[in-house]
Structure formats: structure tokens, C-alpha cells
Amino acid sequence: METKPTGPIGRPRGFDADAALERAMLVFWQHGYEGASTAGLTHAMGISTTSMYAAFGNKEQLFRKVLERYTDGPSAYLAQALEQPTAFGVATAILAGTVRTTTRAGHPHGCLGVQGALTTSESGQDVRALLVDWRTTGYARIRERFRRAVDDGDLPPQTDPGLLARYLTTVAYGIAVQAASGVARDDLQELADAALRHWPLS
């Protein structure tokens, strides 16, 4: 008598998609978009290429999901910093978060959003544009927060919110690059403190 199968045929073995996405984030973070090969990603994620495509899409689609995870995870300090009651508190929290995140033990140093695709081949231009938009959005959120600070009298009325936000993001991105180059956390925090020493006072 023929025995009928008790489960679906050809169904891929289940895996923890959340954990796989976390490991993919670390690969992209360490190697950048183009430096992260599909083979390296699937090996780190512990899944086959077929499973990766089925669960996350192609490499670019996977990177987009990874960037969302990075924004809500390691880079969440930005949203939290913007809730600080003063503009100086915002700036202090952003730079402290940058130093902390870009030098965290057990994680790649630097910033995925800064170094993930600074230069790419033709096939990576969409990802490069994605990260430009990601950085521009961060800058715009800081600028709007500083504009409110001017309106509230927390910053001097002559303050240019856009220029101040550009200054702060430039320092933060510079910290990220220095961290990726191996500069120690304490040295980067000293740099952050120096950058805030002449903060505009109301």
C-alpha cells in the first residue's frame, strides 16, 4: 500500500527571518553594498540564495530592508535625540549617539548610511541614491528641529538652522569615517565635545 506524504513537498526549511536580516545588516555594514557578495550574505544569513530571494527579494531589495532595520535599530538615537528639550541637548545626543554607534564592540565600526555606497558601479547607483536620500532626510529633520528652537527662543534669532544642521551632520559623518579608520571612542568623544564648545547661546 502506498504511503501518502504527510506534509508539503519541496517546502524550504524554515528560518528566523529577523535573525537573518540582522546578520545581513552586519555584512552590509562591514563591507558596503558592493563589497557584500550574494554568497557572503547567504552564508552569513545561514540560508540559500533561493530562500533569500523568496524572503527578501534581490540584493538591492535586501539592502533596503537592512537600511530600515538600521534606521530603527543602531541609528534610532537620531529620533530620540530630536526629542531633547533644547537644541544643545539635541546636538549633544546626536554626536554622543554617533560615537557610541560607530564604535560599538562586536559591530562594524563606522556608519552604514555614510559608507555603505559612497562610490558604486552603474548597477549600484540606485542604492547610492537611496543613501543620499537617507542622509538628506536626517539633515532635514535636524534642520526643522533647529528652526523650532529659533522660533522658541532657544537659539539666537540670527541663527541659520540649515547651516547649523549642516555643521552638525558634517561633524557626525566625520566621526563615522574616523571610527571606521580605527580612531578610539574616547578620542572621538573629545572631538564631539570640542565641536560643541562654541554652541550658539540664546
N, C-alpha and C. Protein backbone atom coordinates (compact mmCIF):
# COMPACT_ATOMS: atom_id res chain seq x y z
N MET A 1 0.85 -1.19 0.00
CA MET A 1 0.00 0.00 0.00
C MET A 1 0.89 1.25 0.00
N GLU A 2 0.58 2.18 -0.85
CA GLU A 2 1.39 3.39 -0.97
C GLU A 2 1.10 4.34 0.18
N THR A 3 2.18 4.89 0.77
CA THR A 3 2.03 5.83 1.87
C THR A 3 2.03 7.25 1.35
N LYS A 4 1.04 8.02 1.69
CA LYS A 4 0.94 9.39 1.23
C LYS A 4 1.80 10.30 2.10
N PRO A 5 2.41 11.29 1.48
CA PRO A 5 3.21 12.22 2.28
C PRO A 5 2.33 12.99 3.26
N THR A 6 2.88 13.28 4.42
CA THR A 6 2.11 13.95 5.47
C THR A 6 2.29 15.46 5.49
N GLY A 7 3.20 16.00 4.68
CA GLY A 7 3.45 17.44 4.66
C GLY A 7 3.68 17.91 3.25
N PRO A 8 3.80 19.21 3.08
CA PRO A 8 4.03 19.76 1.74
C PRO A 8 5.37 19.34 1.18
N ILE A 9 5.42 19.11 -0.13
CA ILE A 9 6.64 18.68 -0.80
C ILE A 9 7.41 19.89 -1.30
N GLY A 10 8.72 19.88 -1.10
CA GLY A 10 9.56 20.93 -1.65
C GLY A 10 9.52 22.24 -0.90
N ARG A 11 8.93 22.25 0.25
CA ARG A 11 8.85 23.48 1.03
C ARG A 11 10.20 23.75 1.69
N PRO A 12 10.76 24.96 1.55
CA PRO A 12 12.05 25.24 2.14
C PRO A 12 11.99 25.19 3.66
N ARG A 13 13.10 24.76 4.26
CA ARG A 13 13.16 24.68 5.70
C ARG A 13 13.01 26.08 6.30
N GLY A 14 12.24 26.20 7.37
CA GLY A 14 12.02 27.49 7.99
C GLY A 14 13.28 28.06 8.61
N PHE A 15 13.34 29.39 8.72
CA PHE A 15 14.47 30.04 9.36
C PHE A 15 13.98 31.31 10.02
N ASP A 16 14.77 31.85 10.90
CA ASP A 16 14.42 33.06 11.63
C ASP A 16 14.75 34.26 10.73
N ALA A 17 13.73 34.81 10.10
CA ALA A 17 13.95 35.91 9.16
C ALA A 17 14.53 37.14 9.84
N ASP A 18 14.12 37.38 11.09
CA ASP A 18 14.61 38.54 11.81
C ASP A 18 16.11 38.41 12.08
N ALA A 19 16.51 37.23 12.52
CA ALA A 19 17.93 36.99 12.78
C ALA A 19 18.74 37.04 11.49
N ALA A 20 18.18 36.52 10.41
CA ALA A 20 18.87 36.54 9.12
C ALA A 20 19.06 37.97 8.64
N LEU A 21 18.05 38.81 8.84
CA LEU A 21 18.16 40.21 8.43
C LEU A 21 19.21 40.94 9.26
N GLU A 22 19.27 40.62 10.53
CA GLU A 22 20.29 41.21 11.40
C GLU A 22 21.69 40.87 10.92
N ARG A 23 21.90 39.62 10.53
CA ARG A 23 23.22 39.21 10.05
C ARG A 23 23.54 39.84 8.70
N ALA A 24 22.53 40.01 7.87
CA ALA A 24 22.75 40.69 6.59
C ALA A 24 23.14 42.15 6.83
N MET A 25 22.52 42.77 7.82
CA MET A 25 22.87 44.16 8.14
C MET A 25 24.34 44.27 8.51
N LEU A 26 24.84 43.33 9.29
CA LEU A 26 26.24 43.38 9.70
C LEU A 26 27.18 43.20 8.52
N VAL A 27 26.79 42.37 7.56
CA VAL A 27 27.62 42.17 6.36
C VAL A 27 27.68 43.45 5.53
N PHE A 28 26.52 44.05 5.27
CA PHE A 28 26.49 45.30 4.50
C PHE A 28 27.23 46.41 5.26
N TRP A 29 27.08 46.43 6.55
CA TRP A 29 27.71 47.45 7.38
C TRP A 29 29.24 47.34 7.30
N GLN A 30 29.72 46.12 7.30
CA GLN A 30 31.16 45.91 7.28
C GLN A 30 31.77 46.09 5.89
N HIS A 31 31.06 45.61 4.87
CA HIS A 31 31.67 45.55 3.54
C HIS A 31 31.11 46.57 2.55
N GLY A 32 30.03 47.27 2.90
CA GLY A 32 29.39 48.16 1.95
C GLY A 32 28.50 47.38 1.00
N TYR A 33 27.72 48.11 0.20
CA TYR A 33 26.77 47.44 -0.68
C TYR A 33 27.46 46.56 -1.71
N GLU A 34 28.42 47.12 -2.44
CA GLU A 34 29.04 46.35 -3.50
C GLU A 34 30.04 45.33 -2.95
N GLY A 35 30.63 45.61 -1.80
CA GLY A 35 31.57 44.66 -1.22
C GLY A 35 30.90 43.43 -0.64
N ALA A 36 29.61 43.51 -0.40
CA ALA A 36 28.86 42.38 0.15
C ALA A 36 28.35 41.52 -1.01
N SER A 37 28.94 40.35 -1.18
CA SER A 37 28.51 39.46 -2.26
C SER A 37 27.27 38.68 -1.84
N THR A 38 26.53 38.21 -2.82
CA THR A 38 25.36 37.38 -2.52
C THR A 38 25.77 36.13 -1.76
N ALA A 39 26.90 35.53 -2.16
CA ALA A 39 27.39 34.33 -1.47
C ALA A 39 27.74 34.64 -0.02
N GLY A 40 28.39 35.79 0.20
CA GLY A 40 28.75 36.18 1.56
C GLY A 40 27.52 36.47 2.40
N LEU A 41 26.52 37.08 1.79
CA LEU A 41 25.29 37.38 2.51
C LEU A 41 24.55 36.11 2.91
N THR A 42 24.35 35.21 1.95
CA THR A 42 23.60 33.99 2.26
C THR A 42 24.36 33.12 3.25
N HIS A 43 25.68 33.12 3.17
CA HIS A 43 26.47 32.34 4.14
C HIS A 43 26.27 32.89 5.55
N ALA A 44 26.35 34.21 5.68
CA ALA A 44 26.16 34.83 6.99
C ALA A 44 24.74 34.65 7.50
N MET A 45 23.77 34.69 6.59
CA MET A 45 22.37 34.57 6.97
C MET A 45 21.98 33.12 7.26
N GLY A 46 22.81 32.19 6.80
CA GLY A 46 22.52 30.78 7.03
C GLY A 46 21.39 30.25 6.18
N ILE A 47 21.22 30.82 4.98
CA ILE A 47 20.13 30.39 4.09
C ILE A 47 20.67 30.26 2.67
N SER A 48 19.89 29.64 1.82
CA SER A 48 20.27 29.51 0.41
C SER A 48 19.90 30.78 -0.35
N THR A 49 20.47 30.91 -1.53
CA THR A 49 20.12 32.06 -2.38
C THR A 49 18.64 32.05 -2.70
N THR A 50 18.09 30.86 -2.96
CA THR A 50 16.66 30.75 -3.25
C THR A 50 15.82 31.26 -2.09
N SER A 51 16.21 30.88 -0.87
CA SER A 51 15.47 31.34 0.30
C SER A 51 15.60 32.84 0.50
N MET A 52 16.79 33.38 0.19
CA MET A 52 16.98 34.82 0.33
C MET A 52 16.05 35.57 -0.61
N TYR A 53 16.01 35.12 -1.87
CA TYR A 53 15.14 35.79 -2.85
C TYR A 53 13.68 35.65 -2.46
N ALA A 54 13.31 34.50 -1.95
CA ALA A 54 11.91 34.27 -1.58
C ALA A 54 11.50 35.14 -0.40
N ALA A 55 12.40 35.32 0.55
CA ALA A 55 12.05 36.04 1.77
C ALA A 55 12.30 37.54 1.68
N PHE A 56 13.35 37.95 0.97
CA PHE A 56 13.76 39.35 1.00
C PHE A 56 13.87 40.01 -0.37
N GLY A 57 13.79 39.25 -1.45
CA GLY A 57 13.98 39.81 -2.78
C GLY A 57 15.44 39.76 -3.19
N ASN A 58 15.80 40.54 -4.18
CA ASN A 58 17.17 40.53 -4.66
C ASN A 58 18.08 41.30 -3.71
N LYS A 59 19.35 41.45 -4.06
CA LYS A 59 20.32 42.10 -3.17
C LYS A 59 19.92 43.53 -2.85
N GLU A 60 19.46 44.28 -3.84
CA GLU A 60 19.06 45.66 -3.58
C GLU A 60 17.85 45.73 -2.66
N GLN A 61 16.87 44.86 -2.89
CA GLN A 61 15.70 44.84 -2.02
C GLN A 61 16.08 44.45 -0.59
N LEU A 62 17.01 43.52 -0.47
CA LEU A 62 17.51 43.13 0.85
C LEU A 62 18.17 44.32 1.53
N PHE A 63 18.98 45.07 0.78
CA PHE A 63 19.66 46.23 1.36
C PHE A 63 18.65 47.26 1.85
N ARG A 64 17.59 47.47 1.09
CA ARG A 64 16.57 48.42 1.51
C ARG A 64 15.93 48.00 2.84
N LYS A 65 15.70 46.71 3.00
CA LYS A 65 15.15 46.22 4.27
C LYS A 65 16.17 46.37 5.39
N VAL A 66 17.43 46.13 5.06
CA VAL A 66 18.51 46.29 6.04
C VAL A 66 18.61 47.74 6.49
N LEU A 67 18.49 48.68 5.55
CA LEU A 67 18.58 50.09 5.90
C LEU A 67 17.43 50.50 6.83
N GLU A 68 16.25 49.96 6.60
CA GLU A 68 15.13 50.21 7.51
C GLU A 68 15.44 49.69 8.90
N ARG A 69 16.03 48.51 8.95
CA ARG A 69 16.39 47.93 10.24
C ARG A 69 17.47 48.77 10.93
N TYR A 70 18.43 49.23 10.18
CA TYR A 70 19.50 50.06 10.72
C TYR A 70 18.93 51.37 11.27
N THR A 71 17.99 51.96 10.54
CA THR A 71 17.37 53.22 10.96
C THR A 71 16.62 53.06 12.27
N ASP A 72 15.89 51.96 12.39
CA ASP A 72 15.08 51.72 13.58
C ASP A 72 15.88 51.11 14.73
N GLY A 73 17.10 50.62 14.42
CA GLY A 73 17.92 49.98 15.43
C GLY A 73 19.14 50.81 15.80
N PRO A 74 20.30 50.51 15.24
CA PRO A 74 21.51 51.24 15.61
C PRO A 74 21.43 52.76 15.44
N SER A 75 20.68 53.21 14.43
CA SER A 75 20.59 54.65 14.17
C SER A 75 19.38 55.31 14.83
N ALA A 76 18.70 54.60 15.71
CA ALA A 76 17.50 55.15 16.34
C ALA A 76 17.81 56.31 17.28
N TYR A 77 19.08 56.47 17.62
CA TYR A 77 19.45 57.57 18.50
C TYR A 77 19.08 58.93 17.91
N LEU A 78 19.01 59.03 16.58
CA LEU A 78 18.66 60.32 15.97
C LEU A 78 17.25 60.74 16.37
N ALA A 79 16.29 59.85 16.20
CA ALA A 79 14.91 60.17 16.56
C ALA A 79 14.79 60.50 18.04
N GLN A 80 15.51 59.77 18.87
CA GLN A 80 15.49 60.03 20.31
C GLN A 80 16.12 61.37 20.63
N ALA A 81 17.22 61.71 19.94
CA ALA A 81 17.91 62.98 20.20
C ALA A 81 17.02 64.16 19.85
N LEU A 82 16.23 64.04 18.80
CA LEU A 82 15.38 65.15 18.38
C LEU A 82 14.31 65.49 19.40
N GLU A 83 14.08 64.60 20.35
CA GLU A 83 13.09 64.84 21.41
C GLU A 83 13.68 65.59 22.60
N GLN A 84 14.98 65.84 22.57
CA GLN A 84 15.60 66.59 23.67
C GLN A 84 14.99 67.99 23.76
N PRO A 85 14.87 68.55 24.97
CA PRO A 85 14.16 69.83 25.13
C PRO A 85 14.89 71.05 24.60
N THR A 86 16.21 70.97 24.39
CA THR A 86 16.95 72.11 23.87
C THR A 86 17.75 71.70 22.64
N ALA A 87 18.08 72.69 21.81
CA ALA A 87 18.88 72.41 20.62
C ALA A 87 20.26 71.89 21.00
N PHE A 88 20.83 72.44 22.07
CA PHE A 88 22.13 71.95 22.52
C PHE A 88 22.03 70.50 22.97
N GLY A 89 20.94 70.16 23.64
CA GLY A 89 20.72 68.77 24.03
C GLY A 89 20.57 67.86 22.83
N VAL A 90 19.90 68.34 21.79
CA VAL A 90 19.76 67.59 20.54
C VAL A 90 21.14 67.30 19.94
N ALA A 91 21.94 68.35 19.82
CA ALA A 91 23.27 68.21 19.21
C ALA A 91 24.16 67.28 20.04
N THR A 92 24.12 67.44 21.35
CA THR A 92 24.93 66.61 22.23
C THR A 92 24.54 65.14 22.09
N ALA A 93 23.23 64.87 22.06
CA ALA A 93 22.75 63.50 21.96
C ALA A 93 23.07 62.88 20.60
N ILE A 94 23.00 63.68 19.55
CA ILE A 94 23.31 63.16 18.21
C ILE A 94 24.78 62.76 18.12
N LEU A 95 25.67 63.62 18.59
CA LEU A 95 27.09 63.29 18.50
C LEU A 95 27.46 62.15 19.43
N ALA A 96 26.87 62.13 20.62
CA ALA A 96 27.14 61.01 21.54
C ALA A 96 26.64 59.70 20.94
N GLY A 97 25.45 59.75 20.31
CA GLY A 97 24.92 58.55 19.66
C GLY A 97 25.77 58.10 18.50
N THR A 98 26.28 59.05 17.75
CA THR A 98 27.16 58.72 16.63
C THR A 98 28.42 58.03 17.13
N VAL A 99 29.05 58.60 18.15
CA VAL A 99 30.26 58.00 18.71
C VAL A 99 29.97 56.59 19.22
N ARG A 100 28.89 56.45 19.96
CA ARG A 100 28.54 55.16 20.56
C ARG A 100 28.27 54.11 19.49
N THR A 101 27.48 54.46 18.48
CA THR A 101 27.07 53.50 17.47
C THR A 101 28.21 53.11 16.54
N THR A 102 29.06 54.06 16.20
CA THR A 102 30.13 53.78 15.23
C THR A 102 31.34 53.10 15.85
N THR A 103 31.35 52.97 17.18
CA THR A 103 32.48 52.29 17.85
C THR A 103 32.01 51.15 18.73
N ARG A 104 30.81 50.67 18.51
CA ARG A 104 30.23 49.64 19.38
C ARG A 104 30.97 48.31 19.24
N ALA A 105 31.32 47.73 20.38
CA ALA A 105 32.02 46.44 20.37
C ALA A 105 31.14 45.36 19.75
N GLY A 106 31.74 44.51 18.95
CA GLY A 106 31.00 43.41 18.33
C GLY A 106 30.25 43.80 17.08
N HIS A 107 30.37 45.06 16.67
CA HIS A 107 29.72 45.53 15.45
C HIS A 107 30.77 46.20 14.56
N PRO A 108 30.52 46.27 13.27
CA PRO A 108 31.44 47.00 12.39
C PRO A 108 31.53 48.46 12.84
N HIS A 109 32.69 49.06 12.71
CA HIS A 109 32.84 50.46 13.05
C HIS A 109 32.47 51.32 11.84
N GLY A 110 32.08 52.55 12.12
CA GLY A 110 31.60 53.42 11.06
C GLY A 110 30.09 53.40 10.98
N CYS A 111 29.55 53.97 9.92
CA CYS A 111 28.10 54.11 9.74
C CYS A 111 27.67 53.51 8.41
N LEU A 112 26.73 52.61 8.47
CA LEU A 112 26.20 52.00 7.24
C LEU A 112 25.65 53.06 6.29
N GLY A 113 24.96 54.05 6.82
CA GLY A 113 24.34 55.06 5.99
C GLY A 113 25.32 56.02 5.35
N VAL A 114 26.51 56.15 5.94
CA VAL A 114 27.52 57.04 5.39
C VAL A 114 28.41 56.32 4.39
N GLN A 115 28.88 55.13 4.77
CA GLN A 115 29.89 54.45 3.97
C GLN A 115 29.35 53.31 3.12
N GLY A 116 28.05 53.03 3.20
CA GLY A 116 27.50 51.87 2.52
C GLY A 116 27.62 51.89 1.02
N ALA A 117 27.61 53.09 0.41
CA ALA A 117 27.66 53.19 -1.05
C ALA A 117 28.10 54.58 -1.46
N LEU A 118 29.24 55.03 -0.98
CA LEU A 118 29.74 56.34 -1.38
C LEU A 118 30.11 56.34 -2.87
N THR A 119 30.71 55.24 -3.32
CA THR A 119 31.00 55.08 -4.74
C THR A 119 30.49 53.71 -5.16
N THR A 120 29.87 53.66 -6.32
CA THR A 120 29.31 52.41 -6.81
C THR A 120 29.45 52.33 -8.32
N SER A 121 29.34 51.12 -8.84
CA SER A 121 29.28 50.94 -10.28
C SER A 121 27.88 51.33 -10.76
N GLU A 122 27.66 51.22 -12.04
CA GLU A 122 26.37 51.59 -12.60
C GLU A 122 25.23 50.83 -11.95
N SER A 123 25.46 49.56 -11.65
CA SER A 123 24.39 48.73 -11.08
C SER A 123 24.04 49.13 -9.65
N GLY A 124 24.91 49.88 -8.99
CA GLY A 124 24.63 50.27 -7.61
C GLY A 124 24.17 51.70 -7.43
N GLN A 125 23.88 52.38 -8.53
CA GLN A 125 23.51 53.79 -8.45
C GLN A 125 22.22 54.02 -7.67
N ASP A 126 21.28 53.10 -7.77
CA ASP A 126 20.02 53.26 -7.04
C ASP A 126 20.25 53.20 -5.54
N VAL A 127 21.15 52.33 -5.12
CA VAL A 127 21.46 52.23 -3.69
C VAL A 127 22.22 53.47 -3.23
N ARG A 128 23.13 53.95 -4.06
CA ARG A 128 23.84 55.18 -3.72
C ARG A 128 22.84 56.34 -3.54
N ALA A 129 21.87 56.44 -4.45
CA ALA A 129 20.85 57.48 -4.34
C ALA A 129 19.99 57.28 -3.10
N LEU A 130 19.70 56.03 -2.77
CA LEU A 130 18.93 55.72 -1.57
C LEU A 130 19.63 56.26 -0.32
N LEU A 131 20.94 56.07 -0.23
CA LEU A 131 21.67 56.53 0.94
C LEU A 131 21.83 58.04 0.95
N VAL A 132 21.93 58.65 -0.23
CA VAL A 132 21.93 60.11 -0.28
C VAL A 132 20.62 60.64 0.29
N ASP A 133 19.51 60.03 -0.11
CA ASP A 133 18.19 60.43 0.41
C ASP A 133 18.11 60.20 1.91
N TRP A 134 18.68 59.09 2.38
CA TRP A 134 18.67 58.76 3.81
C TRP A 134 19.40 59.83 4.60
N ARG A 135 20.56 60.24 4.12
CA ARG A 135 21.32 61.28 4.82
C ARG A 135 20.63 62.63 4.72
N THR A 136 20.04 62.93 3.57
CA THR A 136 19.33 64.19 3.38
C THR A 136 18.13 64.29 4.30
N THR A 137 17.43 63.18 4.48
CA THR A 137 16.28 63.15 5.38
C THR A 137 16.71 63.42 6.81
N GLY A 138 17.81 62.82 7.23
CA GLY A 138 18.33 63.07 8.57
C GLY A 138 18.68 64.53 8.77
N TYR A 139 19.36 65.10 7.80
CA TYR A 139 19.70 66.52 7.86
C TYR A 139 18.44 67.38 7.96
N ALA A 140 17.45 67.08 7.15
CA ALA A 140 16.23 67.89 7.13
C ALA A 140 15.50 67.83 8.47
N ARG A 141 15.50 66.68 9.10
CA ARG A 141 14.84 66.55 10.42
C ARG A 141 15.55 67.40 11.46
N ILE A 142 16.88 67.42 11.42
CA ILE A 142 17.65 68.24 12.36
C ILE A 142 17.42 69.72 12.08
N ARG A 143 17.42 70.09 10.81
CA ARG A 143 17.19 71.49 10.43
C ARG A 143 15.84 71.98 10.95
N GLU A 144 14.81 71.16 10.78
CA GLU A 144 13.48 71.56 11.25
C GLU A 144 13.44 71.69 12.76
N ARG A 145 14.16 70.79 13.44
CA ARG A 145 14.21 70.88 14.91
C ARG A 145 14.91 72.17 15.34
N PHE A 146 15.97 72.57 14.66
CA PHE A 146 16.67 73.80 14.99
C PHE A 146 15.84 75.04 14.61
N ARG A 147 15.03 74.91 13.58
CA ARG A 147 14.15 76.02 13.21
C ARG A 147 13.13 76.26 14.32
N ARG A 148 12.63 75.18 14.89
CA ARG A 148 11.70 75.33 16.02
C ARG A 148 12.40 75.96 17.22
N ALA A 149 13.68 75.59 17.39
CA ALA A 149 14.44 76.15 18.50
C ALA A 149 14.63 77.66 18.34
N VAL A 150 14.82 78.11 17.11
CA VAL A 150 14.91 79.55 16.86
C VAL A 150 13.57 80.22 17.16
N ASP A 151 12.49 79.62 16.68
CA ASP A 151 11.16 80.19 16.91
C ASP A 151 10.81 80.25 18.39
N ASP A 152 11.31 79.28 19.16
CA ASP A 152 11.01 79.21 20.59
C ASP A 152 11.97 80.07 21.43
N GLY A 153 12.97 80.66 20.80
CA GLY A 153 13.93 81.46 21.54
C GLY A 153 15.04 80.65 22.18
N ASP A 154 15.11 79.38 21.88
CA ASP A 154 16.17 78.52 22.43
C ASP A 154 17.49 78.76 21.71
N LEU A 155 17.43 79.17 20.45
CA LEU A 155 18.61 79.57 19.68
C LEU A 155 18.47 81.05 19.32
N PRO A 156 19.58 81.76 19.17
CA PRO A 156 19.51 83.19 18.83
C PRO A 156 18.74 83.40 17.53
N PRO A 157 18.03 84.51 17.41
CA PRO A 157 17.19 84.74 16.22
C PRO A 157 17.97 84.80 14.92
N GLN A 158 19.25 85.14 14.98
CA GLN A 158 20.05 85.23 13.76
C GLN A 158 20.62 83.87 13.33
N THR A 159 20.35 82.84 14.09
CA THR A 159 20.88 81.51 13.77
C THR A 159 20.29 81.00 12.46
N ASP A 160 21.13 80.44 11.61
CA ASP A 160 20.69 79.80 10.37
C ASP A 160 20.51 78.31 10.66
N PRO A 161 19.26 77.83 10.78
CA PRO A 161 19.04 76.42 11.15
C PRO A 161 19.67 75.45 10.16
N GLY A 162 19.62 75.80 8.88
CA GLY A 162 20.18 74.92 7.87
C GLY A 162 21.68 74.80 7.99
N LEU A 163 22.35 75.92 8.21
CA LEU A 163 23.80 75.90 8.35
C LEU A 163 24.21 75.15 9.61
N LEU A 164 23.49 75.36 10.71
CA LEU A 164 23.81 74.68 11.95
C LEU A 164 23.59 73.17 11.83
N ALA A 165 22.52 72.80 11.15
CA ALA A 165 22.26 71.37 10.92
C ALA A 165 23.32 70.75 10.03
N ARG A 166 23.76 71.52 9.02
CA ARG A 166 24.81 71.02 8.13
C ARG A 166 26.13 70.85 8.88
N TYR A 167 26.42 71.78 9.75
CA TYR A 167 27.62 71.69 10.57
C TYR A 167 27.57 70.42 11.43
N LEU A 168 26.44 70.20 12.09
CA LEU A 168 26.31 69.07 12.98
C LEU A 168 26.41 67.74 12.23
N THR A 169 25.73 67.64 11.10
CA THR A 169 25.78 66.38 10.34
C THR A 169 27.17 66.15 9.76
N THR A 170 27.85 67.21 9.37
CA THR A 170 29.20 67.04 8.84
C THR A 170 30.14 66.52 9.92
N VAL A 171 30.01 67.04 11.13
CA VAL A 171 30.82 66.53 12.24
C VAL A 171 30.47 65.07 12.52
N ALA A 172 29.18 64.76 12.53
CA ALA A 172 28.76 63.38 12.81
C ALA A 172 29.28 62.41 11.75
N TYR A 173 29.18 62.80 10.48
CA TYR A 173 29.67 61.92 9.42
C TYR A 173 31.20 61.79 9.48
N GLY A 174 31.87 62.87 9.85
CA GLY A 174 33.31 62.80 10.01
C GLY A 174 33.71 61.85 11.13
N ILE A 175 32.95 61.87 12.21
CA ILE A 175 33.19 60.94 13.32
C ILE A 175 33.04 59.50 12.82
N ALA A 176 32.01 59.25 12.01
CA ALA A 176 31.78 57.91 11.49
C ALA A 176 32.95 57.42 10.65
N VAL A 177 33.48 58.30 9.81
CA VAL A 177 34.62 57.94 8.96
C VAL A 177 35.85 57.67 9.82
N GLN A 178 36.07 58.51 10.82
CA GLN A 178 37.21 58.32 11.71
C GLN A 178 37.08 57.01 12.49
N ALA A 179 35.86 56.69 12.91
CA ALA A 179 35.63 55.44 13.63
C ALA A 179 35.96 54.24 12.76
N ALA A 180 35.55 54.31 11.48
CA ALA A 180 35.84 53.22 10.55
C ALA A 180 37.33 53.07 10.31
N SER A 181 38.08 54.15 10.54
CA SER A 181 39.53 54.12 10.36
C SER A 181 40.25 53.64 11.61
N GLY A 182 39.49 53.37 12.67
CA GLY A 182 40.09 52.81 13.87
C GLY A 182 40.36 53.79 14.99
N VAL A 183 39.90 55.04 14.87
CA VAL A 183 40.10 56.01 15.94
C VAL A 183 39.28 55.59 17.16
N ALA A 184 39.87 55.71 18.34
CA ALA A 184 39.26 55.21 19.57
C ALA A 184 38.04 56.04 19.98
N ARG A 185 37.14 55.40 20.71
CA ARG A 185 35.90 56.05 21.15
C ARG A 185 36.19 57.30 21.98
N ASP A 186 37.11 57.22 22.92
CA ASP A 186 37.40 58.37 23.78
C ASP A 186 37.89 59.56 22.95
N ASP A 187 38.72 59.29 21.95
CA ASP A 187 39.22 60.37 21.09
C ASP A 187 38.09 61.00 20.29
N LEU A 188 37.16 60.17 19.84
CA LEU A 188 36.03 60.70 19.07
C LEU A 188 35.09 61.51 19.95
N GLN A 189 34.93 61.09 21.19
CA GLN A 189 34.08 61.86 22.10
C GLN A 189 34.72 63.21 22.41
N GLU A 190 36.04 63.23 22.52
CA GLU A 190 36.73 64.52 22.71
C GLU A 190 36.48 65.44 21.51
N LEU A 191 36.52 64.87 20.33
CA LEU A 191 36.25 65.65 19.12
C LEU A 191 34.83 66.20 19.16
N ALA A 192 33.87 65.36 19.55
CA ALA A 192 32.47 65.79 19.64
C ALA A 192 32.32 66.92 20.65
N ASP A 193 32.98 66.79 21.79
CA ASP A 193 32.90 67.83 22.82
C ASP A 193 33.49 69.14 22.31
N ALA A 194 34.60 69.05 21.56
CA ALA A 194 35.22 70.25 21.01
C ALA A 194 34.31 70.93 20.01
N ALA A 195 33.60 70.14 19.22
CA ALA A 195 32.70 70.69 18.20
C ALA A 195 31.54 71.46 18.83
N LEU A 196 31.19 71.11 20.06
CA LEU A 196 30.05 71.75 20.74
C LEU A 196 30.47 72.89 21.66
N ARG A 197 31.75 73.13 21.75
CA ARG A 197 32.26 74.10 22.72
C ARG A 197 31.80 75.52 22.44
N HIS A 198 31.57 75.85 21.18
CA HIS A 198 31.15 77.21 20.83
C HIS A 198 29.72 77.21 20.29
N TRP A 199 28.88 76.41 20.92
CA TRP A 199 27.48 76.32 20.51
C TRP A 199 26.79 77.68 20.66
N PRO A 200 25.93 78.06 19.72
CA PRO A 200 25.24 79.35 19.83
C PRO A 200 24.40 79.42 21.10
N LEU A 201 24.49 80.49 21.81
CA LEU A 201 23.72 80.68 23.03
C LEU A 201 22.64 81.74 22.79
N SER A 202 21.49 81.52 23.36
CA SER A 202 20.39 82.49 23.18
C SER A 202 20.61 83.71 24.04
